[in-house]
């Protein structure tokens, strides 16, 4: 029995119980000795329905929610929503962006720099400096380029 999680219905949580059949493969050339049934709504080795994953990704892409907000709203983890948003964005965005007329560079420091004293030069040297550099289209409204 498995309990895949799904979207709430009528504001109440949905509790699914799926008693899967276990299949055995007796053929010597078979890679798997046994496996359970799967459906498109709940792929093999997944604990969430595709409907829940899609809703979590769409909440970020279309609903203006952050990944953390969508994860809290749908009661799933941050990596699940991040992967769902990536899948949602890949389906919605074009393969090639429009040509860029005005390119902007956005640099952000992530966290604090780590310093170490160098005895040879008698000065402090940066050991780790976490920076994120993003390229932005300033003319066509495409925003952050991937």
C-alpha atoms as a PDB file:
ATOM      1  CA  UNK A   1       0.000   0.000   0.000  1.00  0.00           C
ATOM      2  CA  UNK A   2       1.223   3.500  -0.815  1.00  0.00           C
ATOM      3  CA  UNK A   3      -0.208   6.872   0.153  1.00  0.00           C
ATOM      4  CA  UNK A   4       0.503   9.367  -2.645  1.00  0.00           C
ATOM      5  CA  UNK A   5      -0.199  12.967  -1.691  1.00  0.00           C
ATOM      6  CA  UNK A   6      -2.559  15.043  -3.819  1.00  0.00           C
ATOM      7  CA  UNK A   7      -4.135  18.502  -3.877  1.00  0.00           C
ATOM      8  CA  UNK A   8      -6.858  19.231  -1.334  1.00  0.00           C
ATOM      9  CA  UNK A   9     -10.476  18.977  -2.462  1.00  0.00           C
ATOM     10  CA  UNK A  10     -12.956  21.531  -1.154  1.00  0.00           C
ATOM     11  CA  UNK A  11     -10.348  22.917   1.227  1.00  0.00           C
ATOM     12  CA  UNK A  12      -9.877  19.556   2.930  1.00  0.00           C
ATOM     13  CA  UNK A  13      -6.820  17.337   2.580  1.00  0.00           C
ATOM     14  CA  UNK A  14      -7.116  14.346   0.280  1.00  0.00           C
ATOM     15  CA  UNK A  15      -6.039  11.003   1.656  1.00  0.00           C
ATOM     16  CA  UNK A  16      -5.316   8.433  -1.009  1.00  0.00           C
ATOM     17  CA  UNK A  17      -4.514   4.797  -0.377  1.00  0.00           C
ATOM     18  CA  UNK A  18      -3.381   2.749  -3.306  1.00  0.00           C
ATOM     19  CA  UNK A  19      -2.976  -0.974  -2.964  1.00  0.00           C
ATOM     20  CA  UNK A  20      -0.512  -1.710  -5.739  1.00  0.00           C
ATOM     21  CA  UNK A  21      -0.010  -5.077  -7.305  1.00  0.00           C
ATOM     22  CA  UNK A  22       3.505  -6.444  -7.245  1.00  0.00           C
ATOM     23  CA  UNK A  23       4.575  -8.112 -10.469  1.00  0.00           C
ATOM     24  CA  UNK A  24       7.371 -10.646 -10.816  1.00  0.00           C
ATOM     25  CA  UNK A  25       9.460 -11.287 -13.886  1.00  0.00           C
ATOM     26  CA  UNK A  26      10.662 -14.875 -14.189  1.00  0.00           C
ATOM     27  CA  UNK A  27      12.546 -14.359 -17.455  1.00  0.00           C
ATOM     28  CA  UNK A  28      16.350 -14.707 -17.102  1.00  0.00           C
ATOM     29  CA  UNK A  29      16.983 -11.633 -19.282  1.00  0.00           C
ATOM     30  CA  UNK A  30      14.703  -9.385 -17.214  1.00  0.00           C
ATOM     31  CA  UNK A  31      16.550  -6.550 -15.471  1.00  0.00           C
ATOM     32  CA  UNK A  32      14.064  -6.295 -12.608  1.00  0.00           C
ATOM     33  CA  UNK A  33      13.001  -9.254 -10.554  1.00  0.00           C
ATOM     34  CA  UNK A  34       9.838  -7.495  -9.363  1.00  0.00           C
ATOM     35  CA  UNK A  35       8.032  -4.197  -9.818  1.00  0.00           C
ATOM     36  CA  UNK A  36       4.771  -2.542  -8.851  1.00  0.00           C
ATOM     37  CA  UNK A  37       2.119  -0.999 -11.045  1.00  0.00           C
ATOM     38  CA  UNK A  38       2.226   2.691 -11.888  1.00  0.00           C
ATOM     39  CA  UNK A  39      -0.102   5.175 -13.558  1.00  0.00           C
ATOM     40  CA  UNK A  40       0.586   8.493 -15.297  1.00  0.00           C
ATOM     41  CA  UNK A  41      -0.894  10.473 -12.381  1.00  0.00           C
ATOM     42  CA  UNK A  42       1.527   8.810  -9.930  1.00  0.00           C
ATOM     43  CA  UNK A  43       4.736   7.797 -11.716  1.00  0.00           C
ATOM     44  CA  UNK A  44       6.884   4.959 -10.437  1.00  0.00           C
ATOM     45  CA  UNK A  45       8.861   5.716  -7.273  1.00  0.00           C
ATOM     46  CA  UNK A  46       7.016   9.019  -6.676  1.00  0.00           C
ATOM     47  CA  UNK A  47       5.092  10.004  -3.554  1.00  0.00           C
ATOM     48  CA  UNK A  48       3.273  13.009  -5.028  1.00  0.00           C
ATOM     49  CA  UNK A  49       0.740  13.143  -7.821  1.00  0.00           C
ATOM     50  CA  UNK A  50       1.656  14.985 -10.988  1.00  0.00           C
ATOM     51  CA  UNK A  51      -1.278  17.318 -10.286  1.00  0.00           C
ATOM     52  CA  UNK A  52       0.269  18.409  -6.964  1.00  0.00           C
ATOM     53  CA  UNK A  53       3.706  18.900  -8.539  1.00  0.00           C
ATOM     54  CA  UNK A  54       2.235  20.942 -11.397  1.00  0.00           C
ATOM     55  CA  UNK A  55       0.231  23.136  -9.015  1.00  0.00           C
ATOM     56  CA  UNK A  56       3.309  23.813  -6.867  1.00  0.00           C
ATOM     57  CA  UNK A  57       5.369  24.800  -9.927  1.00  0.00           C
ATOM     58  CA  UNK A  58       2.584  26.924 -11.409  1.00  0.00           C
ATOM     59  CA  UNK A  59       2.151  28.773  -8.099  1.00  0.00           C
ATOM     60  CA  UNK A  60       5.713  30.038  -8.484  1.00  0.00           C
ATOM     61  CA  UNK A  61       5.658  30.650 -12.230  1.00  0.00           C
ATOM     62  CA  UNK A  62       2.163  32.029 -12.696  1.00  0.00           C
ATOM     63  CA  UNK A  63       1.011  32.910  -9.193  1.00  0.00           C
ATOM     64  CA  UNK A  64       3.936  35.118  -8.184  1.00  0.00           C
ATOM     65  CA  UNK A  65       4.729  32.990  -5.118  1.00  0.00           C
ATOM     66  CA  UNK A  66       8.234  32.277  -3.924  1.00  0.00           C
ATOM     67  CA  UNK A  67       9.462  28.702  -3.804  1.00  0.00           C
ATOM     68  CA  UNK A  68       9.288  28.760  -0.004  1.00  0.00           C
ATOM     69  CA  UNK A  69       5.688  30.051  -0.022  1.00  0.00           C
ATOM     70  CA  UNK A  70       4.592  27.437  -2.539  1.00  0.00           C
ATOM     71  CA  UNK A  71       6.325  24.706  -0.539  1.00  0.00           C
ATOM     72  CA  UNK A  72       4.484  25.786   2.618  1.00  0.00           C
ATOM     73  CA  UNK A  73       1.138  26.129   0.840  1.00  0.00           C
ATOM     74  CA  UNK A  74       1.376  22.675  -0.742  1.00  0.00           C
ATOM     75  CA  UNK A  75       3.120  21.022   2.233  1.00  0.00           C
ATOM     76  CA  UNK A  76       6.090  19.800   0.205  1.00  0.00           C
ATOM     77  CA  UNK A  77       9.826  20.445   0.359  1.00  0.00           C
ATOM     78  CA  UNK A  78      11.793  23.254  -1.281  1.00  0.00           C
ATOM     79  CA  UNK A  79      13.614  20.937  -3.763  1.00  0.00           C
ATOM     80  CA  UNK A  80      10.293  19.465  -4.931  1.00  0.00           C
ATOM     81  CA  UNK A  81       8.888  22.921  -5.719  1.00  0.00           C
ATOM     82  CA  UNK A  82      12.149  24.058  -7.342  1.00  0.00           C
ATOM     83  CA  UNK A  83      12.098  21.035  -9.668  1.00  0.00           C
ATOM     84  CA  UNK A  84       8.382  21.552 -10.388  1.00  0.00           C
ATOM     85  CA  UNK A  85       9.000  25.215 -11.235  1.00  0.00           C
ATOM     86  CA  UNK A  86      11.870  24.271 -13.566  1.00  0.00           C
ATOM     87  CA  UNK A  87       9.582  21.821 -15.369  1.00  0.00           C
ATOM     88  CA  UNK A  88       6.807  24.419 -15.550  1.00  0.00           C
ATOM     89  CA  UNK A  89       9.153  27.136 -16.847  1.00  0.00           C
ATOM     90  CA  UNK A  90      10.643  24.838 -19.503  1.00  0.00           C
ATOM     91  CA  UNK A  91       7.161  24.181 -20.875  1.00  0.00           C
ATOM     92  CA  UNK A  92       6.171  27.859 -20.891  1.00  0.00           C
ATOM     93  CA  UNK A  93       9.335  29.697 -21.959  1.00  0.00           C
ATOM     94  CA  UNK A  94      10.579  29.753 -25.549  1.00  0.00           C
ATOM     95  CA  UNK A  95      13.652  27.722 -26.448  1.00  0.00           C
ATOM     96  CA  UNK A  96      15.550  30.757 -27.719  1.00  0.00           C
ATOM     97  CA  UNK A  97      15.194  34.235 -26.206  1.00  0.00           C
ATOM     98  CA  UNK A  98      14.731  37.314 -28.376  1.00  0.00           C
ATOM     99  CA  UNK A  99      17.887  39.174 -29.431  1.00  0.00           C
ATOM    100  CA  UNK A 100      19.171  41.423 -26.650  1.00  0.00           C
ATOM    101  CA  UNK A 101      19.583  45.141 -27.437  1.00  0.00           C
ATOM    102  CA  UNK A 102      20.752  46.369 -24.012  1.00  0.00           C
ATOM    103  CA  UNK A 103      22.558  43.915 -21.737  1.00  0.00           C
ATOM    104  CA  UNK A 104      22.718  44.517 -18.012  1.00  0.00           C
ATOM    105  CA  UNK A 105      24.851  42.733 -15.439  1.00  0.00           C
ATOM    106  CA  UNK A 106      23.473  42.065 -11.975  1.00  0.00           C
ATOM    107  CA  UNK A 107      25.972  40.984  -9.335  1.00  0.00           C
ATOM    108  CA  UNK A 108      24.874  39.829  -5.894  1.00  0.00           C
ATOM    109  CA  UNK A 109      26.958  38.612  -2.975  1.00  0.00           C
ATOM    110  CA  UNK A 110      25.581  35.429  -1.401  1.00  0.00           C
ATOM    111  CA  UNK A 111      26.576  35.203   2.228  1.00  0.00           C
ATOM    112  CA  UNK A 112      29.732  36.539   3.793  1.00  0.00           C
ATOM    113  CA  UNK A 113      33.267  36.375   2.480  1.00  0.00           C
ATOM    114  CA  UNK A 114      35.794  34.216   4.362  1.00  0.00           C
ATOM    115  CA  UNK A 115      39.212  35.667   5.066  1.00  0.00           C
ATOM    116  CA  UNK A 116      42.537  34.121   6.018  1.00  0.00           C
ATOM    117  CA  UNK A 117      45.718  35.857   7.187  1.00  0.00           C
ATOM    118  CA  UNK A 118      48.685  35.203   4.866  1.00  0.00           C
ATOM    119  CA  UNK A 119      51.921  35.135   6.835  1.00  0.00           C
ATOM    120  CA  UNK A 120      54.113  35.600   3.741  1.00  0.00           C
ATOM    121  CA  UNK A 121      52.522  38.892   2.663  1.00  0.00           C
ATOM    122  CA  UNK A 122      51.352  39.908   6.155  1.00  0.00           C
ATOM    123  CA  UNK A 123      47.897  40.691   4.812  1.00  0.00           C
ATOM    124  CA  UNK A 124      44.412  39.260   4.803  1.00  0.00           C
ATOM    125  CA  UNK A 125      43.429  37.281   1.693  1.00  0.00           C
ATOM    126  CA  UNK A 126      39.934  36.327   0.540  1.00  0.00           C
ATOM    127  CA  UNK A 127      39.533  32.547   0.694  1.00  0.00           C
ATOM    128  CA  UNK A 128      35.867  32.258  -0.311  1.00  0.00           C
ATOM    129  CA  UNK A 129      33.750  35.012  -1.821  1.00  0.00           C
ATOM    130  CA  UNK A 130      30.340  33.797  -2.935  1.00  0.00           C
ATOM    131  CA  UNK A 131      29.038  35.954  -5.743  1.00  0.00           C
ATOM    132  CA  UNK A 132      26.288  35.384  -8.247  1.00  0.00           C
ATOM    133  CA  UNK A 133      26.428  37.181 -11.571  1.00  0.00           C
ATOM    134  CA  UNK A 134      23.314  37.339 -13.700  1.00  0.00           C
ATOM    135  CA  UNK A 135      22.792  38.815 -17.152  1.00  0.00           C
ATOM    136  CA  UNK A 136      19.613  40.806 -17.686  1.00  0.00           C
ATOM    137  CA  UNK A 137      17.854  42.085 -20.815  1.00  0.00           C
ATOM    138  CA  UNK A 138      17.117  45.750 -20.100  1.00  0.00           C
ATOM    139  CA  UNK A 139      15.351  46.565 -23.372  1.00  0.00           C
ATOM    140  CA  UNK A 140      12.823  43.847 -24.232  1.00  0.00           C
ATOM    141  CA  UNK A 141      11.567  43.021 -20.762  1.00  0.00           C
ATOM    142  CA  UNK A 142      12.839  39.428 -20.845  1.00  0.00           C
ATOM    143  CA  UNK A 143      14.351  39.850 -17.397  1.00  0.00           C
ATOM    144  CA  UNK A 144      17.044  37.478 -16.203  1.00  0.00           C
ATOM    145  CA  UNK A 145      18.606  35.491 -19.031  1.00  0.00           C
ATOM    146  CA  UNK A 146      19.466  31.850 -18.543  1.00  0.00           C
END
